[in-house]
N, C-alpha and C. Protein backbone atom coordinates (compact mmCIF):
# COMPACT_ATOMS: atom_id res chain seq x y z
N MET A 1 65.73 -54.98 -188.04
CA MET A 1 67.14 -55.70 -187.81
C MET A 1 68.21 -54.43 -188.33
N SER A 2 67.68 -53.72 -188.93
CA SER A 2 68.91 -52.33 -188.84
C SER A 2 68.77 -51.20 -187.82
N GLU A 3 67.35 -51.33 -187.11
CA GLU A 3 67.55 -50.66 -185.93
C GLU A 3 68.34 -51.32 -184.84
N ASN A 4 68.32 -52.53 -184.76
CA ASN A 4 69.28 -53.11 -183.48
C ASN A 4 70.52 -53.22 -183.83
N THR A 5 71.18 -53.24 -185.34
CA THR A 5 72.38 -53.17 -185.73
C THR A 5 72.76 -51.76 -185.05
N THR A 6 71.89 -51.05 -185.53
CA THR A 6 72.50 -49.40 -185.36
C THR A 6 72.75 -49.17 -183.89
N GLU A 7 71.94 -49.50 -183.18
CA GLU A 7 71.83 -49.58 -181.65
C GLU A 7 73.20 -50.08 -181.02
N VAL A 8 73.42 -51.31 -181.48
CA VAL A 8 74.56 -51.89 -181.07
C VAL A 8 75.85 -51.56 -181.39
N ILE A 9 75.97 -50.89 -182.62
CA ILE A 9 77.09 -50.16 -183.10
C ILE A 9 77.16 -48.65 -182.33
N VAL A 10 75.93 -48.13 -181.93
CA VAL A 10 76.37 -46.85 -181.29
C VAL A 10 76.79 -47.17 -179.71
N GLY A 11 76.23 -48.04 -179.17
CA GLY A 11 76.67 -48.66 -178.03
C GLY A 11 77.86 -49.15 -177.93
N ALA A 12 78.45 -49.60 -178.80
CA ALA A 12 79.91 -50.22 -178.89
C ALA A 12 80.77 -48.74 -178.66
N GLY A 13 80.62 -47.88 -179.57
CA GLY A 13 80.97 -46.67 -179.59
C GLY A 13 81.23 -46.21 -178.22
N VAL A 14 80.14 -46.10 -177.56
CA VAL A 14 79.95 -44.99 -176.16
C VAL A 14 80.77 -45.86 -175.40
N LEU A 15 80.70 -47.23 -175.11
CA LEU A 15 81.67 -48.22 -174.38
C LEU A 15 83.13 -47.90 -174.76
N ALA A 16 83.34 -47.97 -176.01
CA ALA A 16 84.96 -47.71 -175.97
C ALA A 16 85.38 -45.99 -176.28
N VAL A 17 84.52 -45.30 -175.96
CA VAL A 17 84.89 -43.96 -175.57
C VAL A 17 84.94 -43.65 -173.95
N ALA A 18 84.14 -44.60 -173.09
CA ALA A 18 84.07 -44.56 -171.70
C ALA A 18 85.82 -45.35 -171.40
N VAL A 19 85.98 -46.47 -172.14
CA VAL A 19 87.06 -46.95 -171.77
C VAL A 19 88.24 -46.13 -172.01
N ALA A 20 88.21 -45.56 -173.07
CA ALA A 20 89.49 -44.42 -173.34
C ALA A 20 89.59 -43.40 -172.08
N PHE A 21 88.21 -42.97 -171.94
CA PHE A 21 88.26 -42.06 -170.92
C PHE A 21 88.67 -42.36 -169.75
N VAL A 22 88.51 -43.82 -168.98
CA VAL A 22 89.08 -44.09 -167.88
C VAL A 22 90.64 -44.35 -167.93
N VAL A 23 91.10 -44.86 -169.16
CA VAL A 23 92.64 -45.15 -169.46
C VAL A 23 93.15 -43.84 -169.15
N TYR A 24 92.95 -42.62 -169.78
CA TYR A 24 93.14 -41.37 -169.82
C TYR A 24 93.46 -40.69 -168.71
N ALA A 25 92.28 -40.76 -167.75
CA ALA A 25 92.25 -40.43 -166.42
C ALA A 25 93.28 -41.03 -165.64
N GLY A 26 93.44 -42.41 -165.72
CA GLY A 26 94.62 -43.00 -165.05
C GLY A 26 95.71 -42.67 -165.13
N GLN A 27 96.21 -42.32 -166.65
CA GLN A 27 97.38 -41.95 -166.87
C GLN A 27 97.56 -40.42 -166.43
N VAL A 28 96.55 -39.62 -166.58
CA VAL A 28 96.73 -38.04 -166.07
C VAL A 28 97.19 -37.88 -164.51
N SER A 29 96.32 -38.69 -163.78
CA SER A 29 96.37 -38.81 -162.42
C SER A 29 97.62 -39.71 -161.78
N ASP A 30 98.62 -40.20 -162.60
CA ASP A 30 99.66 -40.99 -162.31
C ASP A 30 99.05 -42.15 -161.45
N PHE A 31 97.51 -42.49 -161.68
CA PHE A 31 97.09 -43.64 -160.69
C PHE A 31 98.16 -44.99 -161.23
N SER A 32 98.61 -45.58 -159.68
CA SER A 32 99.51 -47.00 -160.23
C SER A 32 98.88 -47.77 -159.13
N GLY A 33 99.02 -49.18 -159.10
CA GLY A 33 98.60 -49.95 -158.40
C GLY A 33 99.18 -50.30 -157.12
N GLY A 34 100.15 -49.50 -156.74
CA GLY A 34 100.42 -49.51 -155.29
C GLY A 34 101.83 -50.18 -155.38
N GLY A 35 102.64 -50.10 -153.97
CA GLY A 35 103.53 -51.15 -153.99
C GLY A 35 104.79 -50.46 -154.77
N ALA A 36 104.71 -49.46 -155.23
CA ALA A 36 105.79 -49.02 -155.83
C ALA A 36 106.45 -47.88 -155.29
N THR A 37 106.05 -47.51 -154.08
CA THR A 37 106.35 -46.13 -153.43
C THR A 37 107.08 -46.51 -151.73
N TYR A 38 107.47 -45.70 -151.26
CA TYR A 38 108.11 -46.31 -150.00
C TYR A 38 107.87 -44.77 -149.09
N PRO A 39 107.63 -44.74 -147.82
CA PRO A 39 107.20 -43.73 -146.92
C PRO A 39 108.61 -43.16 -146.11
N LEU A 40 108.43 -41.69 -146.24
CA LEU A 40 109.39 -40.98 -145.14
C LEU A 40 108.56 -40.13 -144.65
N GLU A 41 108.72 -39.79 -143.17
CA GLU A 41 107.91 -38.79 -142.22
C GLU A 41 108.76 -37.48 -142.17
N ALA A 42 108.07 -36.58 -141.77
CA ALA A 42 108.58 -35.29 -141.69
C ALA A 42 107.42 -34.68 -140.76
N SER A 43 108.01 -33.35 -139.96
CA SER A 43 107.37 -32.71 -139.06
C SER A 43 107.17 -31.33 -139.23
N PHE A 44 106.27 -30.37 -139.68
CA PHE A 44 106.55 -29.13 -139.92
C PHE A 44 105.50 -28.32 -139.20
N ARG A 45 106.00 -27.07 -139.01
CA ARG A 45 105.18 -26.14 -138.47
C ARG A 45 104.19 -25.50 -138.95
N SER A 46 104.40 -25.39 -140.25
CA SER A 46 103.16 -25.11 -141.11
C SER A 46 103.14 -25.66 -142.44
N LEU A 47 101.68 -26.18 -142.87
CA LEU A 47 101.80 -27.00 -144.13
C LEU A 47 100.66 -26.14 -144.99
N GLU A 48 100.25 -25.06 -144.61
CA GLU A 48 99.76 -23.94 -145.39
C GLU A 48 99.82 -24.44 -146.97
N GLY A 49 98.39 -24.68 -147.34
CA GLY A 49 98.30 -25.28 -148.67
C GLY A 49 98.71 -26.74 -149.50
N VAL A 50 99.14 -27.20 -148.12
CA VAL A 50 99.75 -28.75 -148.45
C VAL A 50 98.48 -29.63 -147.91
N GLY A 51 98.06 -30.71 -148.92
CA GLY A 51 97.43 -31.80 -148.35
C GLY A 51 97.64 -32.97 -148.81
N VAL A 52 96.92 -34.01 -148.71
CA VAL A 52 97.19 -35.44 -148.95
C VAL A 52 97.08 -35.43 -150.47
N GLY A 53 98.01 -35.67 -151.13
CA GLY A 53 98.02 -35.80 -152.64
C GLY A 53 98.43 -34.84 -153.20
N THR A 54 99.22 -33.82 -152.55
CA THR A 54 100.18 -32.85 -153.15
C THR A 54 101.33 -33.23 -153.75
N ASP A 55 101.79 -32.79 -154.67
CA ASP A 55 103.40 -33.45 -155.11
C ASP A 55 104.37 -32.91 -154.33
N VAL A 56 105.48 -34.08 -154.28
CA VAL A 56 106.80 -34.18 -153.90
C VAL A 56 107.61 -33.90 -154.87
N ARG A 57 108.56 -33.15 -154.96
CA ARG A 57 109.05 -32.85 -155.96
C ARG A 57 110.81 -32.48 -155.80
N LEU A 58 111.56 -33.01 -156.52
CA LEU A 58 113.15 -33.26 -156.40
C LEU A 58 113.47 -32.37 -157.54
N ALA A 59 114.47 -31.66 -157.62
CA ALA A 59 114.79 -30.88 -158.90
C ALA A 59 113.69 -30.30 -159.79
N GLY A 60 112.59 -30.26 -159.03
CA GLY A 60 111.61 -29.71 -160.29
C GLY A 60 110.73 -31.17 -160.68
N VAL A 61 111.34 -32.38 -160.42
CA VAL A 61 110.59 -33.30 -161.15
C VAL A 61 109.86 -34.14 -159.91
N LYS A 62 108.59 -34.38 -160.33
CA LYS A 62 107.72 -35.30 -159.23
C LYS A 62 108.29 -36.57 -159.06
N VAL A 63 108.36 -36.75 -157.73
CA VAL A 63 108.87 -37.96 -157.19
C VAL A 63 107.94 -38.76 -156.03
N GLY A 64 106.88 -38.14 -155.98
CA GLY A 64 105.87 -38.77 -154.96
C GLY A 64 104.81 -37.90 -154.78
N THR A 65 104.25 -38.21 -153.48
CA THR A 65 103.04 -37.75 -153.20
C THR A 65 103.00 -37.42 -151.59
N VAL A 66 102.25 -36.33 -151.20
CA VAL A 66 101.83 -36.42 -149.46
C VAL A 66 100.98 -37.40 -149.16
N ALA A 67 101.28 -38.62 -148.70
CA ALA A 67 100.24 -39.38 -148.25
C ALA A 67 99.36 -39.31 -147.04
N ASP A 68 99.79 -38.77 -145.98
CA ASP A 68 98.94 -38.31 -145.04
C ASP A 68 99.55 -37.25 -143.95
N VAL A 69 98.47 -36.66 -143.38
CA VAL A 69 99.01 -35.26 -142.64
C VAL A 69 98.05 -35.36 -141.31
N THR A 70 98.77 -35.32 -140.22
CA THR A 70 97.95 -35.24 -138.97
C THR A 70 98.66 -34.37 -138.34
N LEU A 71 97.47 -33.76 -137.06
CA LEU A 71 98.19 -32.69 -135.92
C LEU A 71 98.83 -33.86 -134.78
N ASN A 72 100.00 -33.30 -134.48
CA ASN A 72 100.45 -34.13 -133.34
C ASN A 72 100.45 -33.19 -131.95
N PRO A 73 99.07 -33.58 -131.12
CA PRO A 73 98.64 -33.11 -130.07
C PRO A 73 99.68 -32.59 -129.02
N GLU A 74 100.99 -33.15 -129.09
CA GLU A 74 101.63 -32.85 -128.04
C GLU A 74 102.85 -31.50 -128.43
N THR A 75 103.28 -31.35 -129.91
CA THR A 75 103.83 -30.66 -130.51
C THR A 75 103.30 -29.32 -131.50
N TYR A 76 102.29 -29.91 -131.75
CA TYR A 76 101.35 -28.78 -132.37
C TYR A 76 101.83 -28.64 -133.69
N ARG A 77 102.60 -29.62 -134.16
CA ARG A 77 103.01 -29.91 -135.62
C ARG A 77 102.45 -30.66 -136.45
N ALA A 78 102.76 -30.46 -137.81
CA ALA A 78 101.83 -31.16 -138.63
C ALA A 78 102.74 -32.37 -139.30
N ASP A 79 102.62 -33.48 -138.56
CA ASP A 79 103.35 -34.85 -138.78
C ASP A 79 102.61 -35.35 -140.04
N THR A 80 103.46 -35.51 -141.36
CA THR A 80 103.48 -35.69 -142.59
C THR A 80 104.15 -36.41 -142.94
N THR A 81 103.30 -37.85 -143.93
CA THR A 81 104.07 -39.19 -144.58
C THR A 81 104.00 -38.77 -145.67
N VAL A 82 105.45 -38.84 -146.38
CA VAL A 82 105.60 -38.63 -148.07
C VAL A 82 105.47 -39.94 -148.52
N SER A 83 105.08 -40.17 -149.78
CA SER A 83 105.29 -41.43 -150.41
C SER A 83 106.23 -41.14 -151.72
N LEU A 84 107.29 -41.86 -151.73
CA LEU A 84 108.24 -41.50 -152.86
C LEU A 84 108.38 -42.85 -153.73
N ASN A 85 108.65 -42.55 -155.01
CA ASN A 85 108.65 -43.61 -155.99
C ASN A 85 109.88 -44.39 -155.68
N ARG A 86 109.66 -45.72 -155.77
CA ARG A 86 111.20 -46.91 -155.71
C ARG A 86 112.05 -46.21 -156.45
N GLY A 87 113.19 -46.56 -156.21
CA GLY A 87 114.52 -46.05 -157.02
C GLY A 87 114.94 -44.61 -156.93
N ILE A 88 114.03 -43.89 -156.02
CA ILE A 88 114.44 -42.54 -155.86
C ILE A 88 115.20 -42.65 -154.53
N GLU A 89 116.61 -42.25 -154.32
CA GLU A 89 117.34 -42.34 -153.28
C GLU A 89 117.32 -41.19 -152.85
N VAL A 90 117.24 -40.64 -151.41
CA VAL A 90 117.33 -39.29 -151.20
C VAL A 90 118.56 -39.65 -150.15
N PRO A 91 119.78 -38.70 -150.08
CA PRO A 91 120.56 -38.64 -149.23
C PRO A 91 120.15 -38.36 -147.89
N ASP A 92 120.59 -38.85 -146.53
CA ASP A 92 119.95 -38.75 -145.21
C ASP A 92 120.01 -37.67 -144.67
N ASP A 93 121.13 -36.56 -145.22
CA ASP A 93 121.30 -35.38 -144.79
C ASP A 93 120.72 -34.18 -145.73
N SER A 94 119.08 -34.65 -146.49
CA SER A 94 118.42 -33.78 -146.96
C SER A 94 117.29 -32.94 -146.21
N ALA A 95 117.14 -32.14 -146.72
CA ALA A 95 115.90 -31.11 -146.39
C ALA A 95 114.57 -31.15 -146.84
N ILE A 96 113.52 -30.97 -146.26
CA ILE A 96 111.90 -31.06 -146.82
C ILE A 96 111.42 -29.60 -146.74
N ILE A 97 111.12 -28.98 -147.46
CA ILE A 97 110.46 -27.52 -147.40
C ILE A 97 108.94 -27.69 -148.17
N ILE A 98 108.21 -26.60 -147.96
CA ILE A 98 106.93 -26.34 -148.47
C ILE A 98 107.62 -25.18 -149.55
N SER A 99 107.31 -25.31 -150.81
CA SER A 99 107.76 -24.38 -151.76
C SER A 99 106.27 -23.88 -152.56
N SER A 100 106.45 -22.77 -152.91
CA SER A 100 105.01 -22.36 -153.93
C SER A 100 105.47 -22.17 -155.33
N GLU A 101 104.43 -22.20 -156.17
CA GLU A 101 104.67 -22.47 -157.64
C GLU A 101 105.12 -20.61 -157.89
N GLY A 102 104.71 -19.83 -157.34
CA GLY A 102 104.44 -18.42 -157.57
C GLY A 102 103.65 -17.73 -156.95
N LEU A 103 103.31 -16.52 -157.00
CA LEU A 103 102.15 -15.67 -156.26
C LEU A 103 100.82 -16.11 -156.32
N LEU A 104 100.80 -16.79 -157.40
CA LEU A 104 99.15 -17.18 -157.52
C LEU A 104 98.90 -18.77 -157.42
N GLY A 105 100.19 -19.16 -157.41
CA GLY A 105 100.00 -20.80 -157.87
C GLY A 105 100.18 -21.39 -156.72
N GLY A 106 99.69 -22.83 -156.42
CA GLY A 106 99.65 -23.50 -155.19
C GLY A 106 101.13 -23.93 -154.57
N ASN A 107 101.12 -24.51 -153.50
CA ASN A 107 102.39 -25.00 -152.85
C ASN A 107 102.57 -26.49 -153.27
N PHE A 108 103.66 -27.12 -153.15
CA PHE A 108 104.16 -28.10 -152.94
C PHE A 108 105.20 -28.66 -152.02
N VAL A 109 105.80 -29.92 -151.97
CA VAL A 109 106.44 -30.20 -150.94
C VAL A 109 107.83 -30.54 -151.90
N GLU A 110 109.20 -29.74 -151.41
CA GLU A 110 110.49 -29.85 -152.34
C GLU A 110 111.35 -30.56 -151.29
N ILE A 111 111.89 -31.25 -151.79
CA ILE A 111 113.03 -31.97 -151.13
C ILE A 111 114.40 -31.57 -151.88
N VAL A 112 115.15 -31.09 -150.81
CA VAL A 112 116.57 -30.57 -151.29
C VAL A 112 117.50 -31.61 -150.74
N PRO A 113 118.26 -31.97 -151.77
CA PRO A 113 119.18 -33.02 -151.57
C PRO A 113 120.36 -32.80 -150.76
N GLY A 114 120.92 -33.42 -150.00
CA GLY A 114 122.34 -33.49 -149.26
C GLY A 114 123.37 -34.17 -150.16
N GLY A 115 124.37 -34.19 -149.40
CA GLY A 115 125.73 -34.68 -149.93
C GLY A 115 126.14 -35.86 -149.36
N SER A 116 125.36 -36.42 -148.51
CA SER A 116 125.44 -37.73 -147.80
C SER A 116 125.77 -39.08 -148.71
N PRO A 117 126.82 -40.01 -148.40
CA PRO A 117 126.60 -41.15 -149.37
C PRO A 117 125.79 -42.21 -148.62
N PHE A 118 125.20 -41.67 -147.43
CA PHE A 118 123.97 -42.56 -146.89
C PHE A 118 122.78 -41.98 -147.66
N TYR A 119 121.87 -43.27 -147.44
CA TYR A 119 120.27 -42.88 -147.85
C TYR A 119 119.35 -42.78 -146.99
N PHE A 120 118.10 -42.50 -146.84
CA PHE A 120 116.83 -42.74 -146.01
C PHE A 120 116.48 -44.00 -146.54
N GLU A 121 115.93 -44.82 -145.27
CA GLU A 121 115.19 -46.13 -145.59
C GLU A 121 113.71 -45.71 -145.46
N ALA A 122 113.02 -46.81 -146.12
CA ALA A 122 111.63 -46.46 -145.72
C ALA A 122 111.12 -46.54 -144.44
N GLY A 123 110.42 -45.26 -143.94
CA GLY A 123 110.23 -44.98 -142.70
C GLY A 123 111.04 -43.99 -141.92
N ASP A 124 111.98 -43.75 -142.53
CA ASP A 124 112.87 -43.00 -141.59
C ASP A 124 111.97 -41.41 -141.70
N THR A 125 112.84 -40.67 -140.65
CA THR A 125 111.99 -39.11 -140.46
C THR A 125 113.19 -38.31 -141.17
N ILE A 126 112.84 -37.28 -141.84
CA ILE A 126 113.57 -36.17 -142.25
C ILE A 126 113.29 -34.94 -141.19
N THR A 127 114.45 -34.85 -140.64
CA THR A 127 114.62 -33.90 -139.32
C THR A 127 114.69 -32.44 -139.72
N ASP A 128 115.14 -32.07 -141.12
CA ASP A 128 115.30 -30.87 -141.54
C ASP A 128 114.35 -30.30 -142.34
N THR A 129 113.42 -29.42 -141.81
CA THR A 129 112.04 -29.00 -142.49
C THR A 129 112.18 -27.66 -142.39
N GLN A 130 111.05 -27.05 -143.19
CA GLN A 130 110.77 -25.89 -143.38
C GLN A 130 109.59 -25.62 -143.99
N GLY A 131 108.63 -24.87 -143.08
CA GLY A 131 107.46 -24.87 -143.38
C GLY A 131 107.21 -23.78 -143.94
N ALA A 132 105.53 -23.81 -144.66
CA ALA A 132 105.29 -23.10 -145.60
C ALA A 132 105.27 -21.48 -145.08
N VAL A 133 105.63 -20.41 -146.01
CA VAL A 133 106.00 -19.02 -145.43
C VAL A 133 104.58 -18.27 -146.01
N SER A 134 103.85 -17.72 -144.94
CA SER A 134 102.34 -17.11 -145.79
C SER A 134 102.59 -15.78 -146.20
N LEU A 135 102.19 -15.70 -147.84
CA LEU A 135 102.18 -14.68 -148.68
C LEU A 135 101.55 -13.45 -147.64
N VAL A 136 100.19 -13.62 -147.26
CA VAL A 136 99.76 -12.61 -146.57
C VAL A 136 100.68 -12.05 -145.23
N SER A 137 100.90 -12.66 -144.46
CA SER A 137 101.66 -12.22 -143.29
C SER A 137 102.88 -11.52 -144.14
N LEU A 138 103.87 -11.82 -144.99
CA LEU A 138 104.88 -11.27 -145.55
C LEU A 138 104.38 -9.72 -146.20
N LEU A 139 103.17 -9.82 -146.87
CA LEU A 139 102.62 -8.48 -147.32
C LEU A 139 102.43 -7.78 -146.10
N LEU A 140 102.05 -8.05 -144.82
CA LEU A 140 101.42 -7.36 -143.92
C LEU A 140 102.54 -6.49 -143.33
N LYS A 141 103.81 -7.49 -143.19
CA LYS A 141 104.99 -7.06 -142.74
C LYS A 141 105.51 -5.72 -143.38
N PHE A 142 105.34 -5.95 -144.76
CA PHE A 142 106.09 -5.28 -145.86
C PHE A 142 104.97 -3.78 -145.61
N VAL A 143 103.91 -3.85 -145.75
CA VAL A 143 103.12 -2.61 -145.74
C VAL A 143 103.20 -1.77 -144.45
N SER A 144 103.34 -2.74 -142.99
CA SER A 144 103.45 -1.93 -141.79
C SER A 144 104.91 -1.45 -141.41
N GLY A 145 105.92 -2.02 -142.35
CA GLY A 145 107.26 -1.57 -142.28
C GLY A 145 108.05 -2.29 -141.10
N SER A 146 107.43 -3.36 -140.33
CA SER A 146 108.11 -4.10 -139.53
C SER A 146 109.13 -4.87 -139.74
N THR A 147 110.24 -5.01 -139.02
CA THR A 147 111.64 -5.57 -139.29
C THR A 147 111.67 -6.94 -138.62
N GLU A 148 110.56 -7.51 -137.92
CA GLU A 148 110.87 -8.63 -137.55
C GLU A 148 110.88 -10.02 -138.43
């Protein structure tokens, strides 16, 4: 009887650790049930280093994620959908740019707010965009002395 009791206690402990891990993983990944976001569209010349799930930040604070990226076959631009948290109102003259966390860090999408009293609605398109700047091409221009 003591072997069965020990097995039950060890099994319950393993199950408790597994549940705690799942809860922790959900909190770390900001997993939510959905419905708490709204989409905005943008079209970029270059999305280097950005993909689905990349952070969208406003004043350095994460306010959403990149939800979808597709190549527009007519314009050869990266059509992007970002999902922003509900309650985050973005002025309709804001810009959206691809920023870098540093020389060795990854890229993220940054919203630079404008001063308009009107706000984007779900599904609107942000027209003021700036794509990613390639660090390699900048270094090559510096080394070659190009002024382009």
